């Protein structure tokens, strides 16, 4: 059940934090193998002082993590019929 903040125009902040935690945790689980491989590569780049490659792989991993979070959030919003993306964005803006 979706919990709304008082007034019903945004999601309850505690609920939102739990939702974001779920999204982040699920994204990490789905990308676990890719993250392990990238971590090994990143360590090698760091040890060998290949800074351009190191920066590239770190940036790439942040981007992939963000993309996976967006996918999972879209999937979650399909099941959370008592809310929509607009309400989610408004709550995010308020919490930020």
C-alpha atoms as a PDB file:
ATOM      1  CA  UNK A   1       0.000   0.000   0.000  1.00  0.00           C
ATOM      2  CA  UNK A   2       1.350   3.410  -0.982  1.00  0.00           C
ATOM      3  CA  UNK A   3       1.675   5.823   1.934  1.00  0.00           C
ATOM      4  CA  UNK A   4       0.945   9.449   1.180  1.00  0.00           C
ATOM      5  CA  UNK A   5       2.095  12.514   3.074  1.00  0.00           C
ATOM      6  CA  UNK A   6      -0.444  14.663   4.820  1.00  0.00           C
ATOM      7  CA  UNK A   7      -2.479  16.392   2.143  1.00  0.00           C
ATOM      8  CA  UNK A   8      -1.961  13.472  -0.283  1.00  0.00           C
ATOM      9  CA  UNK A   9       0.021  15.355  -2.945  1.00  0.00           C
ATOM     10  CA  UNK A  10       3.341  13.630  -2.236  1.00  0.00           C
ATOM     11  CA  UNK A  11       4.534  10.320  -0.895  1.00  0.00           C
ATOM     12  CA  UNK A  12       5.244   9.948   2.811  1.00  0.00           C
ATOM     13  CA  UNK A  13       8.980  10.696   3.324  1.00  0.00           C
ATOM     14  CA  UNK A  14       9.617   7.488   5.311  1.00  0.00           C
ATOM     15  CA  UNK A  15       7.814   5.461   2.667  1.00  0.00           C
ATOM     16  CA  UNK A  16       9.840   7.185  -0.059  1.00  0.00           C
ATOM     17  CA  UNK A  17      13.123   6.340   1.682  1.00  0.00           C
ATOM     18  CA  UNK A  18      12.083   2.690   1.980  1.00  0.00           C
ATOM     19  CA  UNK A  19      11.107   2.660  -1.697  1.00  0.00           C
ATOM     20  CA  UNK A  20      14.444   4.168  -2.742  1.00  0.00           C
ATOM     21  CA  UNK A  21      16.299   1.683  -0.552  1.00  0.00           C
ATOM     22  CA  UNK A  22      14.418  -1.171  -2.224  1.00  0.00           C
ATOM     23  CA  UNK A  23      15.231   0.193  -5.685  1.00  0.00           C
ATOM     24  CA  UNK A  24      18.929   0.643  -4.876  1.00  0.00           C
ATOM     25  CA  UNK A  25      19.283  -2.776  -3.254  1.00  0.00           C
ATOM     26  CA  UNK A  26      17.510  -4.494  -6.131  1.00  0.00           C
ATOM     27  CA  UNK A  27      19.643  -2.649  -8.697  1.00  0.00           C
ATOM     28  CA  UNK A  28      22.832  -3.761  -6.952  1.00  0.00           C
ATOM     29  CA  UNK A  29      21.627  -7.368  -6.866  1.00  0.00           C
ATOM     30  CA  UNK A  30      20.722  -7.352 -10.560  1.00  0.00           C
ATOM     31  CA  UNK A  31      24.115  -5.903 -11.494  1.00  0.00           C
ATOM     32  CA  UNK A  32      26.180  -7.956  -9.049  1.00  0.00           C
ATOM     33  CA  UNK A  33      28.261  -9.863 -11.608  1.00  0.00           C
ATOM     34  CA  UNK A  34      28.937  -6.760 -13.689  1.00  0.00           C
ATOM     35  CA  UNK A  35      29.917  -4.833 -10.550  1.00  0.00           C
ATOM     36  CA  UNK A  36      32.347  -7.551  -9.450  1.00  0.00           C
ATOM     37  CA  UNK A  37      34.014  -7.615 -12.842  1.00  0.00           C
ATOM     38  CA  UNK A  38      34.220  -3.823 -12.986  1.00  0.00           C
ATOM     39  CA  UNK A  39      35.679  -3.689  -9.481  1.00  0.00           C
ATOM     40  CA  UNK A  40      38.476  -6.042 -10.467  1.00  0.00           C
ATOM     41  CA  UNK A  41      39.227  -3.961 -13.561  1.00  0.00           C
ATOM     42  CA  UNK A  42      39.068  -0.749 -11.590  1.00  0.00           C
ATOM     43  CA  UNK A  43      41.580  -2.066  -9.038  1.00  0.00           C
ATOM     44  CA  UNK A  44      43.956  -3.065 -11.808  1.00  0.00           C
ATOM     45  CA  UNK A  45      43.694   0.346 -13.433  1.00  0.00           C
ATOM     46  CA  UNK A  46      44.347   1.981 -10.073  1.00  0.00           C
ATOM     47  CA  UNK A  47      47.384  -0.191  -9.299  1.00  0.00           C
ATOM     48  CA  UNK A  48      48.868   0.406 -12.728  1.00  0.00           C
ATOM     49  CA  UNK A  49      48.054   4.128 -12.537  1.00  0.00           C
ATOM     50  CA  UNK A  50      45.953   4.068 -15.693  1.00  0.00           C
ATOM     51  CA  UNK A  51      43.921   7.065 -14.591  1.00  0.00           C
ATOM     52  CA  UNK A  52      41.912   7.645 -17.761  1.00  0.00           C
ATOM     53  CA  UNK A  53      40.720   4.032 -17.767  1.00  0.00           C
ATOM     54  CA  UNK A  54      40.064   4.195 -14.031  1.00  0.00           C
ATOM     55  CA  UNK A  55      37.933   7.330 -14.382  1.00  0.00           C
ATOM     56  CA  UNK A  56      36.111   5.828 -17.330  1.00  0.00           C
ATOM     57  CA  UNK A  57      35.141   2.632 -15.538  1.00  0.00           C
ATOM     58  CA  UNK A  58      34.024   4.502 -12.413  1.00  0.00           C
ATOM     59  CA  UNK A  59      31.883   6.832 -14.520  1.00  0.00           C
ATOM     60  CA  UNK A  60      30.479   3.914 -16.506  1.00  0.00           C
ATOM     61  CA  UNK A  61      29.492   2.054 -13.343  1.00  0.00           C
ATOM     62  CA  UNK A  62      27.692   5.091 -11.916  1.00  0.00           C
ATOM     63  CA  UNK A  63      25.793   5.481 -15.177  1.00  0.00           C
ATOM     64  CA  UNK A  64      24.830   1.789 -15.312  1.00  0.00           C
ATOM     65  CA  UNK A  65      23.732   1.832 -11.665  1.00  0.00           C
ATOM     66  CA  UNK A  66      21.549   4.876 -12.321  1.00  0.00           C
ATOM     67  CA  UNK A  67      20.032   3.289 -15.426  1.00  0.00           C
ATOM     68  CA  UNK A  68      19.223   0.100 -13.530  1.00  0.00           C
ATOM     69  CA  UNK A  69      17.596   2.113 -10.736  1.00  0.00           C
ATOM     70  CA  UNK A  70      15.426   3.863 -13.312  1.00  0.00           C
ATOM     71  CA  UNK A  71      14.361   0.519 -14.795  1.00  0.00           C
ATOM     72  CA  UNK A  72      13.435  -0.855 -11.390  1.00  0.00           C
ATOM     73  CA  UNK A  73      11.585   2.316 -10.422  1.00  0.00           C
ATOM     74  CA  UNK A  74       9.510   2.101 -13.616  1.00  0.00           C
ATOM     75  CA  UNK A  75       8.749  -1.536 -12.803  1.00  0.00           C
ATOM     76  CA  UNK A  76       7.763  -0.597  -9.255  1.00  0.00           C
ATOM     77  CA  UNK A  77       5.524   2.242 -10.431  1.00  0.00           C
ATOM     78  CA  UNK A  78       3.587  -0.237 -12.585  1.00  0.00           C
ATOM     79  CA  UNK A  79       2.574  -2.047  -9.386  1.00  0.00           C
ATOM     80  CA  UNK A  80       2.092   1.073  -7.263  1.00  0.00           C
ATOM     81  CA  UNK A  81      -1.153   2.107  -8.873  1.00  0.00           C
ATOM     82  CA  UNK A  82      -1.908   4.651  -6.132  1.00  0.00           C
ATOM     83  CA  UNK A  83       0.922   6.903  -7.332  1.00  0.00           C
ATOM     84  CA  UNK A  84       2.562   8.045 -10.543  1.00  0.00           C
ATOM     85  CA  UNK A  85       5.899   9.348 -11.776  1.00  0.00           C
ATOM     86  CA  UNK A  86       4.854  12.978 -11.249  1.00  0.00           C
ATOM     87  CA  UNK A  87       4.111  12.354  -7.582  1.00  0.00           C
ATOM     88  CA  UNK A  88       7.387  10.483  -7.246  1.00  0.00           C
ATOM     89  CA  UNK A  89       9.331  13.376  -8.836  1.00  0.00           C
ATOM     90  CA  UNK A  90       7.578  15.932  -6.625  1.00  0.00           C
ATOM     91  CA  UNK A  91       8.464  13.937  -3.520  1.00  0.00           C
ATOM     92  CA  UNK A  92      12.072  13.576  -4.679  1.00  0.00           C
ATOM     93  CA  UNK A  93      12.331  17.308  -5.218  1.00  0.00           C
ATOM     94  CA  UNK A  94      10.931  17.979  -1.780  1.00  0.00           C
ATOM     95  CA  UNK A  95      13.337  15.543  -0.109  1.00  0.00           C
ATOM     96  CA  UNK A  96      16.327  16.893  -2.025  1.00  0.00           C
END
